[in-house]
């Protein structure tokens, strides 16, 4: 883990958190999503797939991104660095796979694309690759 990669994870997780908070707000309040680039946001948001186990999918995004934000602060301490780095990697793997699943649903089941969902998927993918890079670099150092 370098300071640079930790900052990158923090920045991307904060952007993802903002996107997820907005989507959670619109879902829970019933306020229409402001979607100027693609017109499928309301279709995706109102689909049955926007809720899992009685909880809006966007809320899971809030939990995911907020957890990563918090984790970046714990990584500053040498005491927790190794453990938290591994937890971040595991979380980003799940986030990446979940984003693939949600993107599949948008494209092949719902037949609509939400730009905010795409943005979250891109952020999740970037976070995964940063974390993967860190994990590979750490394993090289451990040899």
C-alpha atoms as a PDB file:
ATOM      1  CA  UNK A   1       0.000   0.000   0.000  1.00  0.00           C
ATOM      2  CA  UNK A   2       1.295   3.399  -0.912  1.00  0.00           C
ATOM      3  CA  UNK A   3      -0.057   6.773   0.104  1.00  0.00           C
ATOM      4  CA  UNK A   4      -0.940   7.371  -3.534  1.00  0.00           C
ATOM      5  CA  UNK A   5      -3.062   4.222  -3.931  1.00  0.00           C
ATOM      6  CA  UNK A   6      -4.704   4.817  -0.562  1.00  0.00           C
ATOM      7  CA  UNK A   7      -5.647   8.349  -1.669  1.00  0.00           C
ATOM      8  CA  UNK A   8      -6.963   7.025  -4.980  1.00  0.00           C
ATOM      9  CA  UNK A   9      -9.143   4.504  -3.184  1.00  0.00           C
ATOM     10  CA  UNK A  10     -10.392   7.235  -0.852  1.00  0.00           C
ATOM     11  CA  UNK A  11     -11.226   9.604  -3.728  1.00  0.00           C
ATOM     12  CA  UNK A  12     -13.010   6.995  -5.855  1.00  0.00           C
ATOM     13  CA  UNK A  13     -14.861   5.612  -2.817  1.00  0.00           C
ATOM     14  CA  UNK A  14     -16.053   9.138  -1.929  1.00  0.00           C
ATOM     15  CA  UNK A  15     -17.358   9.682  -5.465  1.00  0.00           C
ATOM     16  CA  UNK A  16     -19.068   6.280  -5.353  1.00  0.00           C
ATOM     17  CA  UNK A  17     -20.543   7.168  -1.970  1.00  0.00           C
ATOM     18  CA  UNK A  18     -22.016  10.392  -3.364  1.00  0.00           C
ATOM     19  CA  UNK A  19     -23.564   8.513  -6.309  1.00  0.00           C
ATOM     20  CA  UNK A  20     -24.989   5.811  -4.017  1.00  0.00           C
ATOM     21  CA  UNK A  21     -26.326   8.372  -1.543  1.00  0.00           C
ATOM     22  CA  UNK A  22     -28.110  10.173  -4.368  1.00  0.00           C
ATOM     23  CA  UNK A  23     -29.616   6.943  -5.712  1.00  0.00           C
ATOM     24  CA  UNK A  24     -30.632   5.895  -2.176  1.00  0.00           C
ATOM     25  CA  UNK A  25     -32.254   9.271  -1.598  1.00  0.00           C
ATOM     26  CA  UNK A  26     -34.262   9.101  -4.825  1.00  0.00           C
ATOM     27  CA  UNK A  27     -35.343   5.509  -4.186  1.00  0.00           C
ATOM     28  CA  UNK A  28     -36.359   6.061  -0.553  1.00  0.00           C
ATOM     29  CA  UNK A  29     -37.993   9.467  -1.049  1.00  0.00           C
ATOM     30  CA  UNK A  30     -39.711   8.765  -4.359  1.00  0.00           C
ATOM     31  CA  UNK A  31     -38.087  11.822  -5.954  1.00  0.00           C
ATOM     32  CA  UNK A  32     -37.471  11.188  -9.683  1.00  0.00           C
ATOM     33  CA  UNK A  33     -33.845  10.683 -10.713  1.00  0.00           C
ATOM     34  CA  UNK A  34     -32.391  13.568 -12.708  1.00  0.00           C
ATOM     35  CA  UNK A  35     -31.140  11.687 -15.736  1.00  0.00           C
ATOM     36  CA  UNK A  36     -30.090  13.866 -18.653  1.00  0.00           C
ATOM     37  CA  UNK A  37     -27.608  11.623 -20.480  1.00  0.00           C
ATOM     38  CA  UNK A  38     -29.540   8.353 -20.738  1.00  0.00           C
ATOM     39  CA  UNK A  39     -33.274   7.960 -20.291  1.00  0.00           C
ATOM     40  CA  UNK A  40     -33.289   4.600 -18.534  1.00  0.00           C
ATOM     41  CA  UNK A  41     -32.667   5.740 -14.967  1.00  0.00           C
ATOM     42  CA  UNK A  42     -36.322   5.661 -13.902  1.00  0.00           C
ATOM     43  CA  UNK A  43     -36.840   2.307 -15.603  1.00  0.00           C
ATOM     44  CA  UNK A  44     -33.899   0.776 -13.726  1.00  0.00           C
ATOM     45  CA  UNK A  45     -34.869   2.459 -10.437  1.00  0.00           C
ATOM     46  CA  UNK A  46     -38.463   1.248 -10.629  1.00  0.00           C
ATOM     47  CA  UNK A  47     -37.594  -2.327 -11.634  1.00  0.00           C
ATOM     48  CA  UNK A  48     -37.997  -5.201  -9.212  1.00  0.00           C
ATOM     49  CA  UNK A  49     -34.217  -5.631  -9.329  1.00  0.00           C
ATOM     50  CA  UNK A  50     -33.635  -2.286  -7.596  1.00  0.00           C
ATOM     51  CA  UNK A  51     -34.454  -3.949  -4.261  1.00  0.00           C
ATOM     52  CA  UNK A  52     -32.703  -7.015  -2.812  1.00  0.00           C
ATOM     53  CA  UNK A  53     -33.850  -8.642   0.414  1.00  0.00           C
ATOM     54  CA  UNK A  54     -36.157  -5.680   1.036  1.00  0.00           C
ATOM     55  CA  UNK A  55     -33.314  -3.138   0.823  1.00  0.00           C
ATOM     56  CA  UNK A  56     -32.681  -0.805  -2.131  1.00  0.00           C
ATOM     57  CA  UNK A  57     -29.562  -1.854  -4.047  1.00  0.00           C
ATOM     58  CA  UNK A  58     -28.261   1.712  -3.759  1.00  0.00           C
ATOM     59  CA  UNK A  59     -28.138   1.332   0.034  1.00  0.00           C
ATOM     60  CA  UNK A  60     -25.769  -1.605  -0.421  1.00  0.00           C
ATOM     61  CA  UNK A  61     -23.650   0.775  -2.491  1.00  0.00           C
ATOM     62  CA  UNK A  62     -23.632   3.294   0.366  1.00  0.00           C
ATOM     63  CA  UNK A  63     -22.467   0.587   2.771  1.00  0.00           C
ATOM     64  CA  UNK A  64     -19.798  -0.634   0.303  1.00  0.00           C
ATOM     65  CA  UNK A  65     -18.334   2.787  -0.471  1.00  0.00           C
ATOM     66  CA  UNK A  66     -18.588   4.061   3.112  1.00  0.00           C
ATOM     67  CA  UNK A  67     -16.762   0.938   4.310  1.00  0.00           C
ATOM     68  CA  UNK A  68     -13.954   1.634   1.846  1.00  0.00           C
ATOM     69  CA  UNK A  69     -13.721   5.268   2.940  1.00  0.00           C
ATOM     70  CA  UNK A  70     -13.424   4.201   6.578  1.00  0.00           C
ATOM     71  CA  UNK A  71     -10.929   1.469   5.692  1.00  0.00           C
ATOM     72  CA  UNK A  72      -8.565   3.949   4.047  1.00  0.00           C
ATOM     73  CA  UNK A  73      -8.237   5.744   7.375  1.00  0.00           C
ATOM     74  CA  UNK A  74      -7.466   2.522   9.234  1.00  0.00           C
ATOM     75  CA  UNK A  75      -4.771   1.663   6.701  1.00  0.00           C
ATOM     76  CA  UNK A  76      -2.725   4.663   7.742  1.00  0.00           C
ATOM     77  CA  UNK A  77      -1.874   2.798  10.953  1.00  0.00           C
ATOM     78  CA  UNK A  78       0.882   0.216  10.509  1.00  0.00           C
ATOM     79  CA  UNK A  79      -0.903  -1.968  13.056  1.00  0.00           C
ATOM     80  CA  UNK A  80      -3.903  -2.541  10.777  1.00  0.00           C
ATOM     81  CA  UNK A  81      -2.368  -2.006   7.328  1.00  0.00           C
ATOM     82  CA  UNK A  82      -1.965  -5.644   6.221  1.00  0.00           C
ATOM     83  CA  UNK A  83      -5.391  -6.794   7.446  1.00  0.00           C
ATOM     84  CA  UNK A  84      -7.271  -3.788   6.103  1.00  0.00           C
ATOM     85  CA  UNK A  85      -5.529  -4.030   2.728  1.00  0.00           C
ATOM     86  CA  UNK A  86      -6.710  -7.623   2.407  1.00  0.00           C
ATOM     87  CA  UNK A  87     -10.237  -6.675   3.490  1.00  0.00           C
ATOM     88  CA  UNK A  88     -10.303  -3.889   0.913  1.00  0.00           C
ATOM     89  CA  UNK A  89      -9.249  -6.366  -1.765  1.00  0.00           C
ATOM     90  CA  UNK A  90     -12.000  -8.819  -0.781  1.00  0.00           C
ATOM     91  CA  UNK A  91     -14.591  -6.032  -0.679  1.00  0.00           C
ATOM     92  CA  UNK A  92     -13.587  -4.707  -4.097  1.00  0.00           C
ATOM     93  CA  UNK A  93     -13.753  -8.198  -5.609  1.00  0.00           C
ATOM     94  CA  UNK A  94     -17.340  -8.520  -4.374  1.00  0.00           C
ATOM     95  CA  UNK A  95     -18.141  -4.967  -5.475  1.00  0.00           C
ATOM     96  CA  UNK A  96     -16.730  -5.637  -8.942  1.00  0.00           C
ATOM     97  CA  UNK A  97     -18.638  -8.922  -9.335  1.00  0.00           C
ATOM     98  CA  UNK A  98     -21.848  -7.355  -8.051  1.00  0.00           C
ATOM     99  CA  UNK A  99     -21.433  -4.504 -10.551  1.00  0.00           C
ATOM    100  CA  UNK A 100     -21.050  -7.021 -13.362  1.00  0.00           C
ATOM    101  CA  UNK A 101     -24.269  -8.714 -12.231  1.00  0.00           C
ATOM    102  CA  UNK A 102     -26.161  -5.412 -12.032  1.00  0.00           C
ATOM    103  CA  UNK A 103     -24.867  -4.314 -15.435  1.00  0.00           C
ATOM    104  CA  UNK A 104     -25.990  -7.647 -16.879  1.00  0.00           C
ATOM    105  CA  UNK A 105     -29.463  -7.028 -15.428  1.00  0.00           C
ATOM    106  CA  UNK A 106     -29.586  -3.547 -16.951  1.00  0.00           C
ATOM    107  CA  UNK A 107     -28.524  -4.704 -20.404  1.00  0.00           C
ATOM    108  CA  UNK A 108     -30.239  -8.086 -20.761  1.00  0.00           C
ATOM    109  CA  UNK A 109     -33.160  -8.176 -18.337  1.00  0.00           C
ATOM    110  CA  UNK A 110     -34.365  -4.622 -17.700  1.00  0.00           C
ATOM    111  CA  UNK A 111     -33.296  -3.326 -21.139  1.00  0.00           C
ATOM    112  CA  UNK A 112     -32.458   0.120 -19.773  1.00  0.00           C
ATOM    113  CA  UNK A 113     -29.275   1.839 -18.695  1.00  0.00           C
ATOM    114  CA  UNK A 114     -28.923   4.230 -15.776  1.00  0.00           C
ATOM    115  CA  UNK A 115     -25.925   6.551 -16.084  1.00  0.00           C
ATOM    116  CA  UNK A 116     -25.501   6.615 -12.289  1.00  0.00           C
ATOM    117  CA  UNK A 117     -25.401   2.824 -12.203  1.00  0.00           C
ATOM    118  CA  UNK A 118     -22.821   2.816 -14.993  1.00  0.00           C
ATOM    119  CA  UNK A 119     -20.775   5.411 -13.098  1.00  0.00           C
ATOM    120  CA  UNK A 120     -20.908   3.278  -9.958  1.00  0.00           C
ATOM    121  CA  UNK A 121     -19.879   0.196 -11.942  1.00  0.00           C
ATOM    122  CA  UNK A 122     -16.921   2.080 -13.434  1.00  0.00           C
ATOM    123  CA  UNK A 123     -15.865   3.308  -9.991  1.00  0.00           C
ATOM    124  CA  UNK A 124     -16.214  -0.192  -8.561  1.00  0.00           C
ATOM    125  CA  UNK A 125     -14.089  -1.556 -11.405  1.00  0.00           C
ATOM    126  CA  UNK A 126     -11.390   1.070 -10.874  1.00  0.00           C
ATOM    127  CA  UNK A 127     -11.343   0.325  -7.135  1.00  0.00           C
ATOM    128  CA  UNK A 128     -10.970  -3.381  -7.872  1.00  0.00           C
ATOM    129  CA  UNK A 129      -8.018  -2.840 -10.198  1.00  0.00           C
ATOM    130  CA  UNK A 130      -6.273  -0.487  -7.753  1.00  0.00           C
ATOM    131  CA  UNK A 131      -6.731  -3.058  -5.017  1.00  0.00           C
ATOM    132  CA  UNK A 132      -5.612  -5.878  -7.304  1.00  0.00           C
ATOM    133  CA  UNK A 133      -2.484  -3.900  -8.167  1.00  0.00           C
ATOM    134  CA  UNK A 134      -1.752  -3.418  -4.462  1.00  0.00           C
ATOM    135  CA  UNK A 135      -2.271  -7.104  -3.750  1.00  0.00           C
ATOM    136  CA  UNK A 136       0.061  -8.137  -6.568  1.00  0.00           C
ATOM    137  CA  UNK A 137       2.721  -5.651  -5.457  1.00  0.00           C
ATOM    138  CA  UNK A 138       2.414  -6.812  -1.823  1.00  0.00           C
ATOM    139  CA  UNK A 139       2.783 -10.462  -2.833  1.00  0.00           C
ATOM    140  CA  UNK A 140       5.971  -9.612  -4.730  1.00  0.00           C
ATOM    141  CA  UNK A 141       7.352  -7.950  -1.623  1.00  0.00           C
ATOM    142  CA  UNK A 142       6.538 -10.983   0.522  1.00  0.00           C
ATOM    143  CA  UNK A 143       8.587 -13.409  -1.591  1.00  0.00           C
END
